[in-house]
Amino acid sequence: MVLAFRLTGISGTVAENRQDVLDAFNRVTGKGGDIAAPVDEVPKVLILTEAAAAMIEEEELAWQKKGMYPLIVEIPCLNGPVQGKKNLLDAIREAIGVQV
């Protein structure tokens, strides 16, 4: 996934375990201490695979509740969506009660 995004000019980090995902998340959101991105370089959107997001579910939820940038967007992994996880259309239907 990271390689595919790099080909379009979007940088990313390969994370293979929870600590890697958490380190990258903290760096991008500015919570990483000395290794944090400078405030003016914090991206506006953070794209996580569903598998990576599942590893840091509590931290991601706490960040989203703050309503700060970057906005977190979850995308399915290369091998498809995580079973039992609502997709974006299902979430919209549930939120507004209208078929999209």
PDB file of N, CA and C in Angstrom:
ATOM      1  N   MET A   1       0.827  -1.188   0.000  1.00  0.00           N
ATOM      2  CA  MET A   1       0.000   0.000   0.000  1.00  0.00           C
ATOM      3  C   MET A   1       0.874   1.255   0.000  1.00  0.00           C
ATOM      4  N   VAL A   2       1.934   1.226   0.818  1.00  0.00           N
ATOM      5  CA  VAL A   2       2.812   2.398   0.905  1.00  0.00           C
ATOM      6  C   VAL A   2       3.452   2.672  -0.447  1.00  0.00           C
ATOM      7  N   LEU A   3       3.903   1.634  -1.125  1.00  0.00           N
ATOM      8  CA  LEU A   3       4.516   1.798  -2.443  1.00  0.00           C
ATOM      9  C   LEU A   3       3.520   2.393  -3.437  1.00  0.00           C
ATOM     10  N   ALA A   4       2.296   1.910  -3.420  1.00  0.00           N
ATOM     11  CA  ALA A   4       1.275   2.427  -4.335  1.00  0.00           C
ATOM     12  C   ALA A   4       1.045   3.917  -4.099  1.00  0.00           C
ATOM     13  N   PHE A   5       0.973   4.332  -2.859  1.00  0.00           N
ATOM     14  CA  PHE A   5       0.774   5.752  -2.564  1.00  0.00           C
ATOM     15  C   PHE A   5       2.016   6.571  -2.915  1.00  0.00           C
ATOM     16  N   ARG A   6       3.203   5.994  -2.698  1.00  0.00           N
ATOM     17  CA  ARG A   6       4.435   6.712  -3.051  1.00  0.00           C
ATOM     18  C   ARG A   6       4.489   7.016  -4.539  1.00  0.00           C
ATOM     19  N   LEU A   7       3.965   6.117  -5.344  1.00  0.00           N
ATOM     20  CA  LEU A   7       3.964   6.336  -6.796  1.00  0.00           C
ATOM     21  C   LEU A   7       3.125   7.546  -7.185  1.00  0.00           C
ATOM     22  N   THR A   8       2.203   7.949  -6.316  1.00  0.00           N
ATOM     23  CA  THR A   8       1.379   9.136  -6.587  1.00  0.00           C
ATOM     24  C   THR A   8       1.908  10.367  -5.862  1.00  0.00           C
ATOM     25  N   GLY A   9       3.051  10.224  -5.177  1.00  0.00           N
ATOM     26  CA  GLY A   9       3.657  11.361  -4.499  1.00  0.00           C
ATOM     27  C   GLY A   9       3.281  11.510  -3.040  1.00  0.00           C
ATOM     28  N   ILE A  10       2.600  10.522  -2.479  1.00  0.00           N
ATOM     29  CA  ILE A  10       2.203  10.574  -1.078  1.00  0.00           C
ATOM     30  C   ILE A  10       3.159   9.701  -0.271  1.00  0.00           C
ATOM     31  N   SER A  11       3.791  10.294   0.734  1.00  0.00           N
ATOM     32  CA  SER A  11       4.745   9.528   1.532  1.00  0.00           C
ATOM     33  C   SER A  11       4.019   8.706   2.582  1.00  0.00           C
ATOM     34  N   GLY A  12       4.695   7.676   3.052  1.00  0.00           N
ATOM     35  CA  GLY A  12       4.082   6.805   4.048  1.00  0.00           C
ATOM     36  C   GLY A  12       5.129   6.009   4.801  1.00  0.00           C
ATOM     37  N   THR A  13       4.653   5.221   5.743  1.00  0.00           N
ATOM     38  CA  THR A  13       5.523   4.406   6.580  1.00  0.00           C
ATOM     39  C   THR A  13       4.992   2.985   6.610  1.00  0.00           C
ATOM     40  N   VAL A  14       5.873   2.021   6.451  1.00  0.00           N
ATOM     41  CA  VAL A  14       5.498   0.619   6.585  1.00  0.00           C
ATOM     42  C   VAL A  14       5.558   0.274   8.069  1.00  0.00           C
ATOM     43  N   ALA A  15       4.459  -0.262   8.588  1.00  0.00           N
ATOM     44  CA  ALA A  15       4.394  -0.636   9.997  1.00  0.00           C
ATOM     45  C   ALA A  15       3.931  -2.086  10.080  1.00  0.00           C
ATOM     46  N   GLU A  16       4.715  -2.913  10.730  1.00  0.00           N
ATOM     47  CA  GLU A  16       4.405  -4.340  10.763  1.00  0.00           C
ATOM     48  C   GLU A  16       3.834  -4.817  12.088  1.00  0.00           C
ATOM     49  N   ASN A  17       3.875  -3.975  13.119  1.00  0.00           N
ATOM     50  CA  ASN A  17       3.328  -4.382  14.414  1.00  0.00           C
ATOM     51  C   ASN A  17       2.738  -3.163  15.119  1.00  0.00           C
ATOM     52  N   ARG A  18       2.126  -3.401  16.269  1.00  0.00           N
ATOM     53  CA  ARG A  18       1.450  -2.321  16.982  1.00  0.00           C
ATOM     54  C   ARG A  18       2.390  -1.179  17.337  1.00  0.00           C
ATOM     55  N   GLN A  19       3.587  -1.488  17.783  1.00  0.00           N
ATOM     56  CA  GLN A  19       4.522  -0.429  18.167  1.00  0.00           C
ATOM     57  C   GLN A  19       4.921   0.424  16.969  1.00  0.00           C
ATOM     58  N   ASP A  20       5.147  -0.206  15.811  1.00  0.00           N
ATOM     59  CA  ASP A  20       5.468   0.552  14.594  1.00  0.00           C
ATOM     60  C   ASP A  20       4.319   1.495  14.227  1.00  0.00           C
ATOM     61  N   VAL A  21       3.090   0.974  14.290  1.00  0.00           N
ATOM     62  CA  VAL A  21       1.917   1.791  13.949  1.00  0.00           C
ATOM     63  C   VAL A  21       1.786   2.941  14.938  1.00  0.00           C
ATOM     64  N   LEU A  22       1.940   2.654  16.225  1.00  0.00           N
ATOM     65  CA  LEU A  22       1.813   3.679  17.250  1.00  0.00           C
ATOM     66  C   LEU A  22       2.897   4.743  17.113  1.00  0.00           C
ATOM     67  N   ASP A  23       4.138   4.345  16.832  1.00  0.00           N
ATOM     68  CA  ASP A  23       5.228   5.305  16.633  1.00  0.00           C
ATOM     69  C   ASP A  23       4.932   6.228  15.449  1.00  0.00           C
ATOM     70  N   ALA A  24       4.480   5.650  14.335  1.00  0.00           N
ATOM     71  CA  ALA A  24       4.156   6.450  13.152  1.00  0.00           C
ATOM     72  C   ALA A  24       2.981   7.379  13.432  1.00  0.00           C
ATOM     73  N   PHE A  25       1.960   6.863  14.114  1.00  0.00           N
ATOM     74  CA  PHE A  25       0.778   7.664  14.460  1.00  0.00           C
ATOM     75  C   PHE A  25       1.185   8.853  15.332  1.00  0.00           C
ATOM     76  N   ASN A  26       1.988   8.603  16.345  1.00  0.00           N
ATOM     77  CA  ASN A  26       2.432   9.676  17.240  1.00  0.00           C
ATOM     78  C   ASN A  26       3.294  10.704  16.510  1.00  0.00           C
ATOM     79  N   ARG A  27       4.133  10.245  15.598  1.00  0.00           N
ATOM     80  CA  ARG A  27       4.977  11.158  14.833  1.00  0.00           C
ATOM     81  C   ARG A  27       4.128  12.070  13.950  1.00  0.00           C
ATOM     82  N   VAL A  28       3.145  11.496  13.265  1.00  0.00           N
ATOM     83  CA  VAL A  28       2.321  12.267  12.338  1.00  0.00           C
ATOM     84  C   VAL A  28       1.376  13.225  13.067  1.00  0.00           C
ATOM     85  N   THR A  29       0.856  12.804  14.212  1.00  0.00           N
ATOM     86  CA  THR A  29      -0.082  13.653  14.946  1.00  0.00           C
ATOM     87  C   THR A  29       0.612  14.674  15.834  1.00  0.00           C
ATOM     88  N   GLY A  30       1.944  14.612  15.903  1.00  0.00           N
ATOM     89  CA  GLY A  30       2.678  15.577  16.715  1.00  0.00           C
ATOM     90  C   GLY A  30       2.813  15.164  18.163  1.00  0.00           C
ATOM     91  N   LYS A  31       2.455  13.915  18.493  1.00  0.00           N
ATOM     92  CA  LYS A  31       2.539  13.440  19.865  1.00  0.00           C
ATOM     93  C   LYS A  31       3.815  12.658  20.114  1.00  0.00           C
ATOM     94  N   GLY A  32       4.755  12.691  19.193  1.00  0.00           N
ATOM     95  CA  GLY A  32       5.909  11.816  19.279  1.00  0.00           C
ATOM     96  C   GLY A  32       7.140  12.380  19.938  1.00  0.00           C
ATOM     97  N   GLY A  33       7.025  13.439  20.724  1.00  0.00           N
ATOM     98  CA  GLY A  33       8.197  13.986  21.408  1.00  0.00           C
ATOM     99  C   GLY A  33       9.214  14.529  20.422  1.00  0.00           C
ATOM    100  N   ASP A  34      10.456  14.094  20.549  1.00  0.00           N
ATOM    101  CA  ASP A  34      11.536  14.597  19.705  1.00  0.00           C
ATOM    102  C   ASP A  34      11.387  14.188  18.246  1.00  0.00           C
ATOM    103  N   ILE A  35      10.686  13.077  18.008  1.00  0.00           N
ATOM    104  CA  ILE A  35      10.565  12.600  16.630  1.00  0.00           C
ATOM    105  C   ILE A  35       9.276  13.063  15.967  1.00  0.00           C
ATOM    106  N   ALA A  36       8.523  13.952  16.631  1.00  0.00           N
ATOM    107  CA  ALA A  36       7.257  14.430  16.082  1.00  0.00           C
ATOM    108  C   ALA A  36       7.495  15.341  14.889  1.00  0.00           C
ATOM    109  N   ALA A  37       6.524  15.353  13.990  1.00  0.00           N
ATOM    110  CA  ALA A  37       6.577  16.270  12.856  1.00  0.00           C
ATOM    111  C   ALA A  37       6.362  17.683  13.374  1.00  0.00           C
ATOM    112  N   PRO A  38       7.087  18.681  12.826  1.00  0.00           N
ATOM    113  CA  PRO A  38       6.835  20.066  13.232  1.00  0.00           C
ATOM    114  C   PRO A  38       5.366  20.426  12.985  1.00  0.00           C
ATOM    115  N   VAL A  39       4.828  21.313  13.812  1.00  0.00           N
ATOM    116  CA  VAL A  39       3.405  21.653  13.744  1.00  0.00           C
ATOM    117  C   VAL A  39       2.984  22.092  12.352  1.00  0.00           C
ATOM    118  N   ASP A  40       3.809  22.880  11.676  1.00  0.00           N
ATOM    119  CA  ASP A  40       3.437  23.353  10.340  1.00  0.00           C
ATOM    120  C   ASP A  40       3.539  22.266   9.275  1.00  0.00           C
ATOM    121  N   GLU A  41       4.098  21.102   9.613  1.00  0.00           N
ATOM    122  CA  GLU A  41       4.209  20.006   8.662  1.00  0.00           C
ATOM    123  C   GLU A  41       3.248  18.858   8.956  1.00  0.00           C
ATOM    124  N   VAL A  42       2.377  19.022   9.943  1.00  0.00           N
ATOM    125  CA  VAL A  42       1.409  17.973  10.268  1.00  0.00           C
ATOM    126  C   VAL A  42       0.429  17.870   9.107  1.00  0.00           C
ATOM    127  N   PRO A  43       0.279  16.685   8.519  1.00  0.00           N
ATOM    128  CA  PRO A  43      -0.634  16.543   7.379  1.00  0.00           C
ATOM    129  C   PRO A  43      -2.084  16.748   7.806  1.00  0.00           C
ATOM    130  N   LYS A  44      -2.921  17.049   6.851  1.00  0.00           N
ATOM    131  CA  LYS A  44      -4.345  17.251   7.130  1.00  0.00           C
ATOM    132  C   LYS A  44      -5.116  15.948   7.099  1.00  0.00           C
ATOM    133  N   VAL A  45      -4.577  14.918   6.428  1.00  0.00           N
ATOM    134  CA  VAL A  45      -5.240  13.621   6.337  1.00  0.00           C
ATOM    135  C   VAL A  45      -4.216  12.524   6.611  1.00  0.00           C
ATOM    136  N   LEU A  46      -4.609  11.567   7.445  1.00  0.00           N
ATOM    137  CA  LEU A  46      -3.783  10.395   7.738  1.00  0.00           C
ATOM    138  C   LEU A  46      -4.546   9.183   7.229  1.00  0.00           C
ATOM    139  N   ILE A  47      -3.954   8.453   6.300  1.00  0.00           N
ATOM    140  CA  ILE A  47      -4.589   7.276   5.728  1.00  0.00           C
ATOM    141  C   ILE A  47      -3.996   6.035   6.388  1.00  0.00           C
ATOM    142  N   LEU A  48      -4.861   5.237   7.013  1.00  0.00           N
ATOM    143  CA  LEU A  48      -4.451   3.986   7.645  1.00  0.00           C
ATOM    144  C   LEU A  48      -5.196   2.831   7.007  1.00  0.00           C
ATOM    145  N   THR A  49      -4.531   1.700   6.886  1.00  0.00           N
ATOM    146  CA  THR A  49      -5.281   0.512   6.484  1.00  0.00           C
ATOM    147  C   THR A  49      -6.134   0.089   7.674  1.00  0.00           C
ATOM    148  N   GLU A  50      -7.196  -0.651   7.406  1.00  0.00           N
ATOM    149  CA  GLU A  50      -8.063  -1.123   8.482  1.00  0.00           C
ATOM    150  C   GLU A  50      -7.283  -1.975   9.480  1.00  0.00           C
ATOM    151  N   ALA A  51      -6.331  -2.758   8.978  1.00  0.00           N
ATOM    152  CA  ALA A  51      -5.528  -3.620   9.860  1.00  0.00           C
ATOM    153  C   ALA A  51      -4.663  -2.783  10.790  1.00  0.00           C
ATOM    154  N   ALA A  52      -4.037  -1.727  10.269  1.00  0.00           N
ATOM    155  CA  ALA A  52      -3.210  -0.857  11.105  1.00  0.00           C
ATOM    156  C   ALA A  52      -4.076  -0.111  12.112  1.00  0.00           C
ATOM    157  N   ALA A  53      -5.231   0.364  11.675  1.00  0.00           N
ATOM    158  CA  ALA A  53      -6.138   1.091  12.567  1.00  0.00           C
ATOM    159  C   ALA A  53      -6.619   0.200  13.708  1.00  0.00           C
ATOM    160  N   ALA A  54      -6.819  -1.078  13.424  1.00  0.00           N
ATOM    161  CA  ALA A  54      -7.278  -2.006  14.457  1.00  0.00           C
ATOM    162  C   ALA A  54      -6.226  -2.175  15.553  1.00  0.00           C
ATOM    163  N   MET A  55      -4.960  -1.999  15.205  1.00  0.00           N
ATOM    164  CA  MET A  55      -3.884  -2.150  16.181  1.00  0.00           C
ATOM    165  C   MET A  55      -3.842  -0.997  17.187  1.00  0.00           C
ATOM    166  N   ILE A  56      -4.337   0.172  16.776  1.00  0.00           N
ATOM    167  CA  ILE A  56      -4.288   1.348  17.661  1.00  0.00           C
ATOM    168  C   ILE A  56      -5.687   1.939  17.838  1.00  0.00           C
ATOM    169  N   GLU A  57      -6.670   1.077  17.930  1.00  0.00           N
ATOM    170  CA  GLU A  57      -8.068   1.498  17.966  1.00  0.00           C
ATOM    171  C   GLU A  57      -8.345   2.540  19.056  1.00  0.00           C
ATOM    172  N   GLU A  58      -7.861   2.314  20.267  1.00  0.00           N
ATOM    173  CA  GLU A  58      -8.132   3.246  21.370  1.00  0.00           C
ATOM    174  C   GLU A  58      -7.482   4.608  21.129  1.00  0.00           C
ATOM    175  N   GLU A  59      -6.244   4.620  20.673  1.00  0.00           N
ATOM    176  CA  GLU A  59      -5.544   5.873  20.411  1.00  0.00           C
ATOM    177  C   GLU A  59      -6.209   6.641  19.272  1.00  0.00           C
ATOM    178  N   GLU A  60      -6.631   5.904  18.238  1.00  0.00           N
ATOM    179  CA  GLU A  60      -7.293   6.537  17.099  1.00  0.00           C
ATOM    180  C   GLU A  60      -8.615   7.175  17.541  1.00  0.00           C
ATOM    181  N   LEU A  61      -9.404   6.466  18.308  1.00  0.00           N
ATOM    182  CA  LEU A  61     -10.683   6.985  18.779  1.00  0.00           C
ATOM    183  C   LEU A  61     -10.488   8.233  19.643  1.00  0.00           C
ATOM    184  N   ALA A  62      -9.509   8.205  20.545  1.00  0.00           N
ATOM    185  CA  ALA A  62      -9.224   9.371  21.384  1.00  0.00           C
ATOM    186  C   ALA A  62      -8.832  10.576  20.531  1.00  0.00           C
ATOM    187  N   TRP A  63      -8.042  10.335  19.476  1.00  0.00           N
ATOM    188  CA  TRP A  63      -7.623  11.422  18.585  1.00  0.00           C
ATOM    189  C   TRP A  63      -8.826  11.984  17.834  1.00  0.00           C
ATOM    190  N   GLN A  64      -9.685  11.122  17.316  1.00  0.00           N
ATOM    191  CA  GLN A  64     -10.845  11.569  16.557  1.00  0.00           C
ATOM    192  C   GLN A  64     -11.798  12.382  17.431  1.00  0.00           C
ATOM    193  N   LYS A  65     -11.916  12.030  18.692  1.00  0.00           N
ATOM    194  CA  LYS A  65     -12.800  12.771  19.592  1.00  0.00           C
ATOM    195  C   LYS A  65     -12.310  14.198  19.829  1.00  0.00           C
ATOM    196  N   LYS A  66     -11.005  14.422  19.668  1.00  0.00           N
ATOM    197  CA  LYS A  66     -10.460  15.773  19.829  1.00  0.00           C
ATOM    198  C   LYS A  66     -10.843  16.675  18.660  1.00  0.00           C
ATOM    199  N   GLY A  67     -11.140  16.076  17.506  1.00  0.00           N
ATOM    200  CA  GLY A  67     -11.512  16.859  16.333  1.00  0.00           C
ATOM    201  C   GLY A  67     -10.374  17.678  15.762  1.00  0.00           C
ATOM    202  N   MET A  68      -9.158  17.157  15.861  1.00  0.00           N
ATOM    203  CA  MET A  68      -7.985  17.874  15.366  1.00  0.00           C
ATOM    204  C   MET A  68      -7.475  17.231  14.078  1.00  0.00           C
ATOM    205  N   TYR A  69      -6.589  17.982  13.382  1.00  0.00           N
ATOM    206  CA  TYR A  69      -5.921  17.418  12.220  1.00  0.00           C
ATOM    207  C   TYR A  69      -4.743  16.594  12.698  1.00  0.00           C
ATOM    208  N   PRO A  70      -4.412  15.529  11.989  1.00  0.00           N
ATOM    209  CA  PRO A  70      -4.972  15.085  10.727  1.00  0.00           C
ATOM    210  C   PRO A  70      -6.276  14.306  10.909  1.00  0.00           C
ATOM    211  N   LEU A  71      -7.112  14.422   9.898  1.00  0.00           N
ATOM    212  CA  LEU A  71      -8.320  13.611   9.812  1.00  0.00           C
ATOM    213  C   LEU A  71      -7.873  12.198   9.472  1.00  0.00           C
ATOM    214  N   ILE A  72      -8.422  11.205  10.157  1.00  0.00           N
ATOM    215  CA  ILE A  72      -8.003   9.820   9.936  1.00  0.00           C
ATOM    216  C   ILE A  72      -9.001   9.126   9.012  1.00  0.00           C
ATOM    217  N   VAL A  73      -8.476   8.548   7.947  1.00  0.00           N
ATOM    218  CA  VAL A  73      -9.289   7.820   6.981  1.00  0.00           C
ATOM    219  C   VAL A  73      -8.772   6.381   6.933  1.00  0.00           C
ATOM    220  N   GLU A  74      -9.672   5.443   7.093  1.00  0.00           N
ATOM    221  CA  GLU A  74      -9.289   4.026   7.024  1.00  0.00           C
ATOM    222  C   GLU A  74      -9.660   3.475   5.654  1.00  0.00           C
ATOM    223  N   ILE A  75      -8.731   2.723   5.077  1.00  0.00           N
ATOM    224  CA  ILE A  75      -8.982   2.083   3.787  1.00  0.00           C
ATOM    225  C   ILE A  75      -8.781   0.581   3.944  1.00  0.00           C
ATOM    226  N   PRO A  76      -9.462  -0.211   3.125  1.00  0.00           N
ATOM    227  CA  PRO A  76      -9.266  -1.671   3.199  1.00  0.00           C
ATOM    228  C   PRO A  76      -7.838  -2.050   2.824  1.00  0.00           C
ATOM    229  N   CYS A  77      -7.385  -3.181   3.343  1.00  0.00           N
ATOM    230  CA  CYS A  77      -6.071  -3.716   3.001  1.00  0.00           C
ATOM    231  C   CYS A  77      -6.106  -4.286   1.585  1.00  0.00           C
ATOM    232  N   LEU A  78      -4.953  -4.671   1.086  1.00  0.00           N
ATOM    233  CA  LEU A  78      -4.895  -5.259  -0.250  1.00  0.00           C
ATOM    234  C   LEU A  78      -5.712  -6.542  -0.365  1.00  0.00           C
ATOM    235  N   ASN A  79      -5.832  -7.280   0.749  1.00  0.00           N
ATOM    236  CA  ASN A  79      -6.592  -8.524   0.699  1.00  0.00           C
ATOM    237  C   ASN A  79      -8.069  -8.326   1.061  1.00  0.00           C
ATOM    238  N   GLY A  80      -8.546  -7.097   1.000  1.00  0.00           N
ATOM    239  CA  GLY A  80      -9.965  -6.825   1.198  1.00  0.00           C
ATOM    240  C   GLY A  80     -10.284  -6.252   2.562  1.00  0.00           C
ATOM    241  N   PRO A  81     -11.537  -5.867   2.763  1.00  0.00           N
ATOM    242  CA  PRO A  81     -11.929  -5.263   4.034  1.00  0.00           C
ATOM    243  C   PRO A  81     -11.923  -6.259   5.180  1.00  0.00           C
ATOM    244  N   VAL A  82     -11.777  -5.748   6.376  1.00  0.00           N
ATOM    245  CA  VAL A  82     -11.806  -6.561   7.586  1.00  0.00           C
ATOM    246  C   VAL A  82     -13.242  -7.016   7.808  1.00  0.00           C
ATOM    247  N   GLN A  83     -13.427  -8.313   8.064  1.00  0.00           N
ATOM    248  CA  GLN A  83     -14.763  -8.860   8.278  1.00  0.00           C
ATOM    249  C   GLN A  83     -15.436  -8.214   9.483  1.00  0.00           C
ATOM    250  N   GLY A  84     -16.721  -7.886   9.332  1.00  0.00           N
ATOM    251  CA  GLY A  84     -17.495  -7.326  10.430  1.00  0.00           C
ATOM    252  C   GLY A  84     -17.315  -5.832  10.611  1.00  0.00           C
ATOM    253  N   LYS A  85     -16.470  -5.205   9.815  1.00  0.00           N
ATOM    254  CA  LYS A  85     -16.237  -3.765   9.923  1.00  0.00           C
ATOM    255  C   LYS A  85     -17.173  -3.042   8.971  1.00  0.00           C
ATOM    256  N   LYS A  86     -17.822  -1.998   9.479  1.00  0.00           N
ATOM    257  CA  LYS A  86     -18.729  -1.209   8.642  1.00  0.00           C
ATOM    258  C   LYS A  86     -17.933  -0.465   7.583  1.00  0.00           C
ATOM    259  N   ASN A  87     -18.461  -0.446   6.372  1.00  0.00           N
ATOM    260  CA  ASN A  87     -17.809   0.370   5.362  1.00  0.00           C
ATOM    261  C   ASN A  87     -18.385   1.789   5.426  1.00  0.00           C
ATOM    262  N   LEU A  88     -17.807   2.686   4.652  1.00  0.00           N
ATOM    263  CA  LEU A  88     -18.196   4.091   4.702  1.00  0.00           C
ATOM    264  C   LEU A  88     -19.668   4.286   4.355  1.00  0.00           C
ATOM    265  N   LEU A  89     -20.162   3.610   3.328  1.00  0.00           N
ATOM    266  CA  LEU A  89     -21.567   3.771   2.948  1.00  0.00           C
ATOM    267  C   LEU A  89     -22.512   3.304   4.054  1.00  0.00           C
ATOM    268  N   ASP A  90     -22.181   2.200   4.708  1.00  0.00           N
ATOM    269  CA  ASP A  90     -23.004   1.727   5.819  1.00  0.00           C
ATOM    270  C   ASP A  90     -23.034   2.741   6.953  1.00  0.00           C
ATOM    271  N   ALA A  91     -21.886   3.335   7.246  1.00  0.00           N
ATOM    272  CA  ALA A  91     -21.815   4.333   8.309  1.00  0.00           C
ATOM    273  C   ALA A  91     -22.645   5.568   7.977  1.00  0.00           C
ATOM    274  N   ILE A  92     -22.616   5.990   6.713  1.00  0.00           N
ATOM    275  CA  ILE A  92     -23.412   7.155   6.285  1.00  0.00           C
ATOM    276  C   ILE A  92     -24.894   6.831   6.378  1.00  0.00           C
ATOM    277  N   ARG A  93     -25.278   5.668   5.901  1.00  0.00           N
ATOM    278  CA  ARG A  93     -26.693   5.266   5.982  1.00  0.00           C
ATOM    279  C   ARG A  93     -27.171   5.260   7.420  1.00  0.00           C
ATOM    280  N   GLU A  94     -26.364   4.721   8.315  1.00  0.00           N
ATOM    281  CA  GLU A  94     -26.728   4.669   9.721  1.00  0.00           C
ATOM    282  C   GLU A  94     -26.814   6.054  10.342  1.00  0.00           C
ATOM    283  N   ALA A  95     -25.888   6.927   9.961  1.00  0.00           N
ATOM    284  CA  ALA A  95     -25.823   8.272  10.549  1.00  0.00           C
ATOM    285  C   ALA A  95     -26.969   9.167  10.111  1.00  0.00           C
ATOM    286  N   ILE A  96     -27.294   9.125   8.806  1.00  0.00           N
ATOM    287  CA  ILE A  96     -28.312  10.060   8.321  1.00  0.00           C
ATOM    288  C   ILE A  96     -29.626   9.377   7.952  1.00  0.00           C
ATOM    289  N   GLY A  97     -29.631   8.072   7.927  1.00  0.00           N
ATOM    290  CA  GLY A  97     -30.868   7.346   7.643  1.00  0.00           C
ATOM    291  C   GLY A  97     -31.341   7.458   6.208  1.00  0.00           C
ATOM    292  N   VAL A  98     -30.426   7.729   5.297  1.00  0.00           N
ATOM    293  CA  VAL A  98     -30.776   7.895   3.885  1.00  0.00           C
ATOM    294  C   VAL A  98     -29.901   6.965   3.049  1.00  0.00           C
ATOM    295  N   GLN A  99     -30.488   6.317   2.071  1.00  0.00           N
ATOM    296  CA  GLN A  99     -29.699   5.482   1.154  1.00  0.00           C
ATOM    297  C   GLN A  99     -28.869   6.369   0.249  1.00  0.00           C
ATOM    298  N   VAL A 100     -27.596   6.056   0.121  1.00  0.00           N
ATOM    299  CA  VAL A 100     -26.691   6.831  -0.716  1.00  0.00           C
ATOM    300  C   VAL A 100     -26.419   6.059  -1.977  1.00  0.00           C
TER     301      VAL A 100
END
